[in-house]
Amino acid sequence: MASLKNRMIIILLILLIFITNIAMISSISSGFVQTRGTRFLLNKSPFLFNGFNSYWMMHIAANPNERYKVSNVFRDAVAAGLTVCRTWAFSDGGGGEALQISPGVYNEQVFQSLDFVVSEAKKYGIHLILTLTNNYKDFGGRPQYVEWARNAGANIDKDDDFYTNLIVKGYYKNHVQKVLSRMNTITGVAYKDEPTIMAWELINEPRCVVDYSGKTIHAWVQEMAGYTKSIDRNHLLSVGMEGFYGDSIPKRKQFNPGYQEYGTDFISNHLIKEIDFATIHSYADAWLPSENNEAQMIFVQRWIMSHTIDTKKILKKPLVFSEFGKSIKEHGYNISTRDAFMNSIYTSIYGVARKGALAGGLVWQILAEEMESYDDGYGIVLSQSPSTRGIISLQSHQMNDLQKKMGRTHDFIFNN
């Protein structure tokens, strides 16, 4: 009898291992974007992309009569070969148009508008990067969380307490849980199980003026990344950083605009194990307003190269250039200047992607027609900008060809 029991236990263990392996294989091949070294993978093949930002989608889609603008942007994006969209999954405070009206209280109509954005992206075959809150007061963000806690009686007096106050951190964790566990009313799929979503971002452009070392934000990222992954291990996770260097490698601060510090540390913050890929942003026209176009482009090239080197040699994770653009508000701006800028950026992205250190770029930002109030100076309407659309389409074509080339190489080696 003992021998029979032992055999049964062994058989059950073998079955359990088999079922576990099948589940793992299913997860990898089910359309979730994964990472291996400095590469993204989609269904076991290299995944490169050209993409865009359209932060406004949920907000616009809250009005059913305006939802066609979301659909039109996805349609035009697909026509231009764009395959990844970064957009907001938050809107904190500010009355009836907010997603989160007050801590833990949500507007179902606005949540259904986010459902629509996810379902439309799925329809058009576009992967989403969803950002969970903002460093700035736009759409609530960090200042709104702090104000909520202060109004609840917390001893809190500055926005940077967002990263350390227990009440505020509890509010944020509740939002993470609410969004990731959301059951889409259109697709019937929970967000945490939706392959259309490529990744979550903890916060758009975190900064901390009370601690320039990056340690305060590091502790916050470590805690929130672990919490996010405890709910959802299907999806990738990033911080949402601009790329500013901190104290971990002091000599790298020379690459920060104006040698300034911003309370983040590109190296140490992205080395956190739950963070799957790194990001950089660049607005040379805003960061270096007194410099001419040539000097600004030199800065951007150095910015890209320093981060791709660090990503490949130190982080050993994928890198995404997740915000860049050229503002119409800049002195001497014209379409030709913007096109030359974007062409230069795209050439750099493609060149580095060939070497395995950068997976793609997300231009800021794509708008639909009749959205002038959302244009911060960087807006591009693809249907009205044929020359810029052509440059975007060419980059999409080149990145797609590079992806196919890598996919055909059966002995593809990562991190060579």
Protein backbone atom coordinates (compact mmCIF):
# COMPACT_ATOMS: atom_id res chain seq x y z
CA MET A 1 0.00 0.00 0.00
CA ALA A 2 2.84 2.39 0.88
CA SER A 3 4.45 1.69 -2.49
CA LEU A 4 1.15 2.40 -4.29
CA LYS A 5 0.75 5.63 -2.38
CA ASN A 6 4.25 6.73 -3.33
CA ARG A 7 3.58 5.98 -6.99
CA MET A 8 0.36 7.99 -6.86
CA ILE A 9 2.17 10.93 -5.27
CA ILE A 10 4.84 10.80 -7.99
CA ILE A 11 2.18 10.67 -10.72
CA LEU A 12 0.36 13.64 -9.19
CA LEU A 13 3.60 15.62 -8.98
CA ILE A 14 4.37 14.87 -12.64
CA LEU A 15 0.86 16.00 -13.63
CA LEU A 16 1.24 19.19 -11.58
CA ILE A 17 4.56 20.01 -13.25
CA PHE A 18 3.04 19.31 -16.68
CA ILE A 19 0.04 21.56 -16.01
CA THR A 20 2.31 24.32 -14.67
CA ASN A 21 4.51 24.18 -17.76
CA ILE A 22 1.50 24.28 -20.06
CA ALA A 23 0.24 27.37 -18.21
CA MET A 24 3.63 29.05 -18.58
CA ILE A 25 3.78 28.28 -22.29
CA SER A 26 0.22 29.57 -22.71
CA SER A 27 1.14 32.82 -20.96
CA ILE A 28 4.12 33.38 -23.26
CA SER A 29 2.24 32.61 -26.47
CA SER A 30 -1.07 34.27 -25.65
CA GLY A 31 -0.15 37.70 -26.93
CA PHE A 32 1.30 39.23 -23.78
CA VAL A 33 4.43 41.23 -24.50
CA GLN A 34 7.38 39.77 -22.58
CA THR A 35 11.05 40.64 -22.16
CA ARG A 36 14.29 38.78 -22.55
CA GLY A 37 17.43 40.75 -21.89
CA THR A 38 17.21 44.06 -23.77
CA ARG A 39 14.49 42.77 -26.11
CA PHE A 40 10.73 42.69 -26.05
CA LEU A 41 9.10 39.48 -27.22
CA LEU A 42 5.62 38.92 -28.61
CA ASN A 43 4.62 35.30 -29.10
CA LYS A 44 8.28 34.29 -28.69
CA SER A 45 9.45 36.59 -31.50
CA PRO A 46 11.30 39.93 -31.24
CA PHE A 47 8.92 42.85 -30.86
CA LEU A 48 10.02 46.27 -32.14
CA PHE A 49 7.63 49.13 -32.68
CA ASN A 50 6.92 52.68 -33.65
CA GLY A 51 4.27 54.24 -31.45
CA PHE A 52 2.64 57.36 -30.08
CA ASN A 53 1.18 59.14 -27.08
CA SER A 54 -2.48 60.13 -26.90
CA TYR A 55 -2.99 60.84 -23.20
CA TRP A 56 -6.52 62.20 -23.71
CA MET A 57 -8.35 59.08 -24.91
CA MET A 58 -10.27 58.10 -21.79
CA HIS A 59 -11.27 61.72 -21.15
CA ILE A 60 -12.62 62.20 -24.68
CA ALA A 61 -14.34 58.80 -24.75
CA ALA A 62 -16.36 59.71 -21.65
CA ASN A 63 -18.63 61.57 -24.06
CA PRO A 64 -20.17 58.92 -26.34
CA ASN A 65 -20.60 61.52 -29.10
CA GLU A 66 -16.81 62.07 -29.12
CA ARG A 67 -15.66 58.45 -29.15
CA TYR A 68 -15.20 58.49 -32.90
CA LYS A 69 -12.07 60.60 -32.30
CA VAL A 70 -10.45 57.70 -30.46
CA SER A 71 -11.40 55.35 -33.29
CA ASN A 72 -10.13 57.77 -35.93
CA VAL A 73 -6.75 58.13 -34.25
CA PHE A 74 -6.36 54.35 -33.97
CA ARG A 75 -7.39 54.00 -37.62
CA ASP A 76 -4.92 56.62 -38.81
CA ALA A 77 -2.21 55.23 -36.53
CA VAL A 78 -2.58 51.76 -38.00
CA ALA A 79 -2.42 53.23 -41.50
CA ALA A 80 0.89 54.85 -40.49
CA GLY A 81 2.20 51.56 -39.07
CA LEU A 82 2.03 52.64 -35.41
CA THR A 83 1.51 49.67 -33.09
CA VAL A 84 1.87 50.97 -29.50
CA CYS A 85 -0.10 53.76 -27.80
CA ARG A 86 0.61 55.27 -24.39
CA THR A 87 -2.37 56.84 -22.64
CA TRP A 88 -3.68 57.75 -19.18
CA ALA A 89 -5.56 55.31 -16.95
CA PHE A 90 -6.19 57.98 -14.34
CA SER A 91 -8.12 61.20 -13.79
CA ASP A 92 -8.14 62.19 -10.15
CA GLY A 93 -10.57 64.64 -8.58
CA GLY A 94 -11.99 67.61 -10.43
CA GLY A 95 -15.67 66.73 -10.35
CA GLY A 96 -17.91 64.66 -12.57
CA GLU A 97 -15.45 64.20 -15.43
CA ALA A 98 -12.89 62.45 -13.19
CA LEU A 99 -12.35 58.70 -13.13
CA GLN A 100 -11.58 58.74 -9.39
CA ILE A 101 -13.86 61.36 -7.89
CA SER A 102 -12.46 60.92 -4.38
CA PRO A 103 -10.31 58.20 -2.79
CA GLY A 104 -11.85 54.87 -3.77
CA VAL A 105 -14.93 56.47 -5.36
CA TYR A 106 -15.09 55.96 -9.13
CA ASN A 107 -17.23 57.29 -11.96
CA GLU A 108 -18.55 54.23 -13.78
CA GLN A 109 -19.25 56.19 -16.96
CA VAL A 110 -15.62 57.29 -17.17
CA PHE A 111 -14.44 53.77 -16.37
CA GLN A 112 -16.55 52.54 -19.28
CA SER A 113 -14.81 55.08 -21.50
CA LEU A 114 -11.48 53.44 -20.57
CA ASP A 115 -13.11 50.10 -21.39
CA PHE A 116 -13.87 51.54 -24.81
CA VAL A 117 -10.28 52.69 -25.34
CA VAL A 118 -8.97 49.23 -24.51
CA SER A 119 -11.55 47.51 -26.73
CA GLU A 120 -10.84 49.84 -29.67
CA ALA A 121 -7.09 49.30 -29.32
CA LYS A 122 -7.77 45.56 -29.38
CA LYS A 123 -9.94 45.97 -32.47
CA TYR A 124 -7.15 47.80 -34.31
CA GLY A 125 -4.32 45.57 -33.06
CA ILE A 126 -2.58 48.28 -31.06
CA HIS A 127 -0.85 47.54 -27.75
CA LEU A 128 -1.37 49.97 -24.88
CA ILE A 129 0.93 51.34 -22.21
CA LEU A 130 -1.37 52.59 -19.45
CA THR A 131 -0.11 55.17 -16.96
CA LEU A 132 -1.59 55.05 -13.46
CA THR A 133 -1.05 58.60 -12.20
CA ASN A 134 0.75 61.86 -12.89
CA ASN A 135 3.58 63.76 -11.26
CA TYR A 136 1.81 66.99 -12.16
CA LYS A 137 -1.57 68.49 -11.26
CA ASP A 138 -2.95 67.85 -14.75
CA PHE A 139 -5.81 65.37 -14.34
CA GLY A 140 -5.20 65.36 -10.57
CA GLY A 141 -2.11 63.25 -10.10
CA ARG A 142 0.29 63.50 -7.19
CA PRO A 143 -0.98 66.90 -5.93
CA GLN A 144 -4.56 65.61 -5.79
CA TYR A 145 -3.60 62.55 -3.73
CA VAL A 146 -1.78 64.81 -1.26
CA GLU A 147 -4.76 67.17 -1.06
CA TRP A 148 -7.10 64.27 -0.37
CA ALA A 149 -4.92 63.09 2.50
CA ARG A 150 -4.59 66.61 3.92
CA ASN A 151 -8.37 67.04 3.81
CA ALA A 152 -8.69 63.73 5.66
CA GLY A 153 -6.59 65.13 8.50
CA ALA A 154 -3.15 63.79 7.58
CA ASN A 155 -0.13 65.80 8.75
CA ILE A 156 1.09 66.54 5.27
CA ASP A 157 2.31 69.81 3.78
CA LYS A 158 4.13 69.17 0.50
CA ASP A 159 3.51 67.23 -2.70
CA ASP A 160 6.63 65.10 -2.21
CA ASP A 161 4.91 63.49 0.79
CA PHE A 162 3.11 61.51 -1.91
CA TYR A 163 6.06 59.12 -1.87
CA THR A 164 6.22 58.54 1.90
CA ASN A 165 2.86 59.21 3.58
CA LEU A 166 1.05 55.99 4.49
CA ILE A 167 -2.43 57.37 3.79
CA VAL A 168 -1.43 58.63 0.35
CA LYS A 169 0.29 55.37 -0.50
CA GLY A 170 -2.86 53.54 0.53
CA TYR A 171 -4.94 55.69 -1.82
CA TYR A 172 -2.54 54.98 -4.67
CA LYS A 173 -2.50 51.23 -4.03
CA ASN A 174 -6.28 51.20 -4.04
CA HIS A 175 -6.26 52.83 -7.49
CA VAL A 176 -3.78 50.29 -8.80
CA GLN A 177 -5.94 47.44 -7.52
CA LYS A 178 -9.11 49.01 -8.91
CA VAL A 179 -7.72 49.52 -12.42
CA LEU A 180 -5.84 46.23 -12.77
CA SER A 181 -8.83 44.22 -11.52
CA ARG A 182 -11.35 46.09 -13.66
CA MET A 183 -13.60 43.82 -15.74
CA ASN A 184 -14.01 45.41 -19.16
CA THR A 185 -17.74 45.89 -19.80
CA ILE A 186 -17.22 45.58 -23.57
CA THR A 187 -14.72 42.72 -23.94
CA GLY A 188 -15.61 40.83 -20.76
CA VAL A 189 -11.87 40.49 -19.96
CA ALA A 190 -10.25 41.81 -16.79
CA TYR A 191 -7.55 44.38 -17.49
CA LYS A 192 -4.94 42.21 -15.76
CA ASP A 193 -5.78 39.41 -18.23
CA GLU A 194 -5.95 41.59 -21.37
CA PRO A 195 -3.05 41.02 -23.84
CA THR A 196 -3.87 44.29 -25.63
CA ILE A 197 -2.32 46.03 -22.63
CA MET A 198 1.45 45.87 -23.09
CA ALA A 199 2.48 47.47 -19.81
CA TRP A 200 1.60 49.56 -16.80
CA GLU A 201 3.46 52.72 -15.83
CA LEU A 202 3.48 53.64 -12.16
CA ILE A 203 3.57 57.42 -12.66
CA ASN A 204 4.20 59.87 -15.46
CA GLU A 205 7.55 61.67 -14.99
CA PRO A 206 8.16 61.28 -11.24
CA ARG A 207 10.27 63.99 -9.58
CA CYS A 208 11.16 64.77 -5.96
CA VAL A 209 12.62 68.12 -4.91
CA VAL A 210 13.16 67.18 -1.25
CA ASP A 211 15.57 64.36 -2.11
CA TYR A 212 17.68 64.74 -5.23
CA SER A 213 19.55 61.48 -4.56
CA GLY A 214 16.72 59.38 -5.99
CA LYS A 215 16.42 57.29 -2.81
CA THR A 216 12.93 58.52 -1.85
CA ILE A 217 11.51 57.70 -5.26
CA HIS A 218 13.50 54.46 -5.27
CA ALA A 219 11.79 53.27 -2.08
CA TRP A 220 8.38 54.24 -3.46
CA VAL A 221 8.98 52.45 -6.77
CA GLN A 222 10.20 49.35 -4.97
CA GLU A 223 7.04 49.22 -2.84
CA MET A 224 4.57 50.03 -5.60
CA ALA A 225 6.21 47.79 -8.18
CA GLY A 226 6.04 44.87 -5.78
CA TYR A 227 2.40 45.63 -5.02
CA THR A 228 1.48 45.92 -8.70
CA LYS A 229 3.16 42.65 -9.55
CA SER A 230 1.34 40.94 -6.67
CA ILE A 231 -1.91 41.67 -8.52
CA ASP A 232 -0.79 41.24 -12.14
CA ARG A 233 2.15 39.15 -13.34
CA ASN A 234 0.91 38.96 -16.93
CA HIS A 235 1.93 42.49 -17.85
CA LEU A 236 5.17 44.38 -18.00
CA LEU A 237 5.82 47.26 -15.64
CA SER A 238 7.85 50.44 -15.90
CA VAL A 239 8.28 53.52 -13.72
CA GLY A 240 7.46 56.23 -16.30
CA MET A 241 10.72 58.15 -15.86
CA GLU A 242 12.27 60.86 -18.00
CA GLY A 243 15.76 59.43 -17.59
CA PHE A 244 17.49 61.86 -15.23
CA TYR A 245 20.59 60.49 -13.54
CA GLY A 246 21.16 60.49 -9.77
CA ASP A 247 23.74 59.52 -7.18
CA SER A 248 24.35 55.89 -8.18
CA ILE A 249 26.81 56.97 -10.90
CA PRO A 250 27.55 60.66 -10.21
CA LYS A 251 29.54 61.23 -13.40
CA ARG A 252 26.44 60.44 -15.48
CA LYS A 253 24.77 63.60 -14.14
CA GLN A 254 26.72 65.48 -16.80
CA PHE A 255 24.11 64.24 -19.29
CA ASN A 256 21.19 65.77 -17.36
CA PRO A 257 19.96 69.03 -18.94
CA GLY A 258 21.89 71.84 -17.32
CA TYR A 259 23.58 69.31 -15.01
CA GLN A 260 20.47 69.53 -12.83
CA GLU A 261 19.08 66.86 -10.50
CA TYR A 262 15.41 65.93 -10.31
CA GLY A 263 15.12 63.37 -7.52
CA THR A 264 15.27 60.32 -9.74
CA ASP A 265 18.10 57.93 -10.53
CA PHE A 266 17.81 56.32 -13.95
CA ILE A 267 20.18 53.51 -13.00
CA SER A 268 19.12 52.46 -9.51
CA ASN A 269 15.39 53.06 -10.03
CA HIS A 270 15.35 50.78 -13.09
CA LEU A 271 17.46 48.07 -11.45
CA ILE A 272 14.50 47.19 -9.21
CA LYS A 273 13.71 43.62 -10.21
CA GLU A 274 9.95 44.16 -10.66
CA ILE A 275 10.61 46.92 -13.21
CA ASP A 276 10.73 45.23 -16.61
CA PHE A 277 11.94 48.01 -18.89
CA ALA A 278 13.42 51.49 -18.79
CA THR A 279 12.10 54.71 -20.33
CA ILE A 280 13.45 58.09 -21.31
CA HIS A 281 11.76 61.32 -22.39
CA SER A 282 13.35 64.30 -24.09
CA TYR A 283 12.14 67.84 -24.70
CA ALA A 284 15.29 69.68 -25.65
CA ASP A 285 13.30 72.72 -26.77
CA ALA A 286 11.79 73.05 -23.28
CA TRP A 287 14.81 71.87 -21.27
CA LEU A 288 17.35 73.97 -23.19
CA PRO A 289 15.27 76.92 -24.48
CA SER A 290 18.24 79.23 -24.97
CA GLU A 291 20.05 76.77 -27.25
CA ASN A 292 19.64 76.66 -31.02
CA ASN A 293 18.31 73.67 -32.96
CA GLU A 294 21.75 72.23 -33.57
CA ALA A 295 22.74 72.34 -29.90
CA GLN A 296 19.40 70.82 -28.89
CA MET A 297 19.86 67.95 -31.33
CA ILE A 298 23.37 67.31 -30.03
CA PHE A 299 21.90 67.08 -26.53
CA VAL A 300 19.22 64.59 -27.65
CA GLN A 301 21.79 62.40 -29.42
CA ARG A 302 23.97 62.30 -26.30
CA TRP A 303 20.85 61.61 -24.20
CA ILE A 304 19.93 58.62 -26.35
CA MET A 305 23.44 57.21 -26.48
CA SER A 306 24.20 57.52 -22.76
CA HIS A 307 20.97 55.73 -21.84
CA THR A 308 21.28 52.99 -24.43
CA ILE A 309 24.81 52.23 -23.22
CA ASP A 310 23.67 52.10 -19.60
CA THR A 311 20.60 50.05 -20.48
CA LYS A 312 22.62 47.44 -22.32
CA LYS A 313 25.63 47.22 -20.02
CA ILE A 314 24.10 47.84 -16.59
CA LEU A 315 20.31 47.41 -16.60
CA LYS A 316 20.17 44.61 -19.18
CA LYS A 317 16.53 45.48 -19.83
CA PRO A 318 14.68 46.96 -22.84
CA LEU A 319 14.61 50.72 -23.33
CA VAL A 320 11.72 52.77 -24.75
CA PHE A 321 12.01 56.39 -25.87
CA SER A 322 8.52 57.04 -24.60
CA GLU A 323 8.14 60.81 -25.11
CA PHE A 324 9.69 63.20 -27.60
CA GLY A 325 8.44 65.99 -29.83
CA LYS A 326 8.93 69.46 -31.23
CA SER A 327 6.72 72.31 -30.03
CA ILE A 328 4.98 74.74 -32.34
CA LYS A 329 5.47 77.33 -29.58
CA GLU A 330 9.24 77.34 -30.04
CA HIS A 331 10.73 80.43 -31.68
CA GLY A 332 11.33 79.82 -35.39
CA TYR A 333 9.17 76.70 -35.51
CA ASN A 334 7.81 75.41 -38.79
CA ILE A 335 6.73 72.04 -40.19
CA SER A 336 10.08 71.52 -41.89
CA THR A 337 11.89 72.04 -38.57
CA ARG A 338 9.63 69.50 -36.86
CA ASP A 339 10.07 67.00 -39.68
CA ALA A 340 13.85 67.35 -39.61
CA PHE A 341 13.83 66.86 -35.84
CA MET A 342 11.65 63.75 -36.02
CA ASN A 343 13.66 62.30 -38.87
CA SER A 344 16.83 62.71 -36.80
CA ILE A 345 15.24 61.09 -33.74
CA TYR A 346 13.89 58.20 -35.77
CA THR A 347 17.26 57.63 -37.44
CA SER A 348 18.86 57.38 -34.00
CA ILE A 349 16.17 55.03 -32.68
CA TYR A 350 16.51 52.74 -35.70
CA GLY A 351 20.30 52.74 -35.54
CA VAL A 352 20.34 51.80 -31.86
CA ALA A 353 17.54 49.24 -32.32
CA ARG A 354 19.73 47.40 -34.84
CA LYS A 355 22.29 46.97 -32.07
CA GLY A 356 19.75 45.62 -29.62
CA ALA A 357 19.49 48.44 -27.09
CA LEU A 358 16.30 50.35 -27.94
CA ALA A 359 12.95 48.80 -28.82
CA GLY A 360 10.97 51.76 -30.10
CA GLY A 361 9.81 55.35 -29.71
CA LEU A 362 6.51 57.02 -28.82
CA VAL A 363 6.07 60.48 -30.32
CA TRP A 364 4.24 63.09 -28.24
CA GLN A 365 1.43 63.46 -29.27
CA ILE A 366 -1.18 62.32 -31.84
CA LEU A 367 -4.53 64.14 -31.90
CA ALA A 368 -7.75 63.73 -33.85
CA GLU A 369 -9.19 66.56 -35.90
CA GLU A 370 -11.03 69.31 -33.99
CA MET A 371 -9.03 68.84 -30.78
CA GLU A 372 -7.30 72.20 -30.60
CA SER A 373 -7.96 72.54 -26.85
CA TYR A 374 -5.83 69.45 -26.21
CA ASP A 375 -2.89 70.67 -28.26
CA ASP A 376 0.02 71.61 -25.99
CA GLY A 377 2.10 72.68 -28.95
CA TYR A 378 3.33 69.21 -29.78
CA GLY A 379 0.13 67.89 -31.34
CA ILE A 380 0.17 66.08 -34.69
CA VAL A 381 -3.01 65.36 -36.64
CA LEU A 382 -1.98 62.63 -39.06
CA SER A 383 -4.77 63.38 -41.54
CA GLN A 384 -3.64 67.03 -41.75
CA SER A 385 0.14 66.57 -41.70
CA PRO A 386 1.17 64.63 -44.83
CA SER A 387 4.93 65.30 -44.59
CA THR A 388 5.11 64.35 -40.91
CA ARG A 389 2.87 61.34 -41.52
CA GLY A 390 5.28 60.22 -44.23
CA ILE A 391 8.25 60.36 -41.86
CA ILE A 392 6.32 58.45 -39.20
CA SER A 393 5.22 55.83 -41.74
CA LEU A 394 8.78 55.34 -43.00
CA GLN A 395 10.02 54.74 -39.45
CA SER A 396 7.21 52.24 -38.87
CA HIS A 397 8.17 50.42 -42.06
CA GLN A 398 11.85 50.29 -41.11
CA MET A 399 11.17 49.06 -37.58
CA ASN A 400 8.79 46.42 -38.92
CA ASP A 401 11.38 45.23 -41.45
CA LEU A 402 14.01 45.06 -38.71
CA GLN A 403 11.63 43.06 -36.54
CA LYS A 404 11.01 40.60 -39.38
CA LYS A 405 14.72 40.28 -40.02
CA MET A 406 15.36 39.47 -36.38
CA GLY A 407 12.44 37.05 -36.34
CA ARG A 408 13.83 35.14 -39.33
CA THR A 409 17.15 34.64 -37.59
CA HIS A 410 16.53 31.34 -35.84
CA ASP A 411 19.77 31.53 -33.92
CA PHE A 412 18.87 35.06 -32.75
CA ILE A 413 21.15 35.97 -29.86
CA PHE A 414 20.00 38.44 -27.23
CA ASN A 415 22.40 40.92 -25.69
CA ASN A 416 25.23 40.13 -28.05
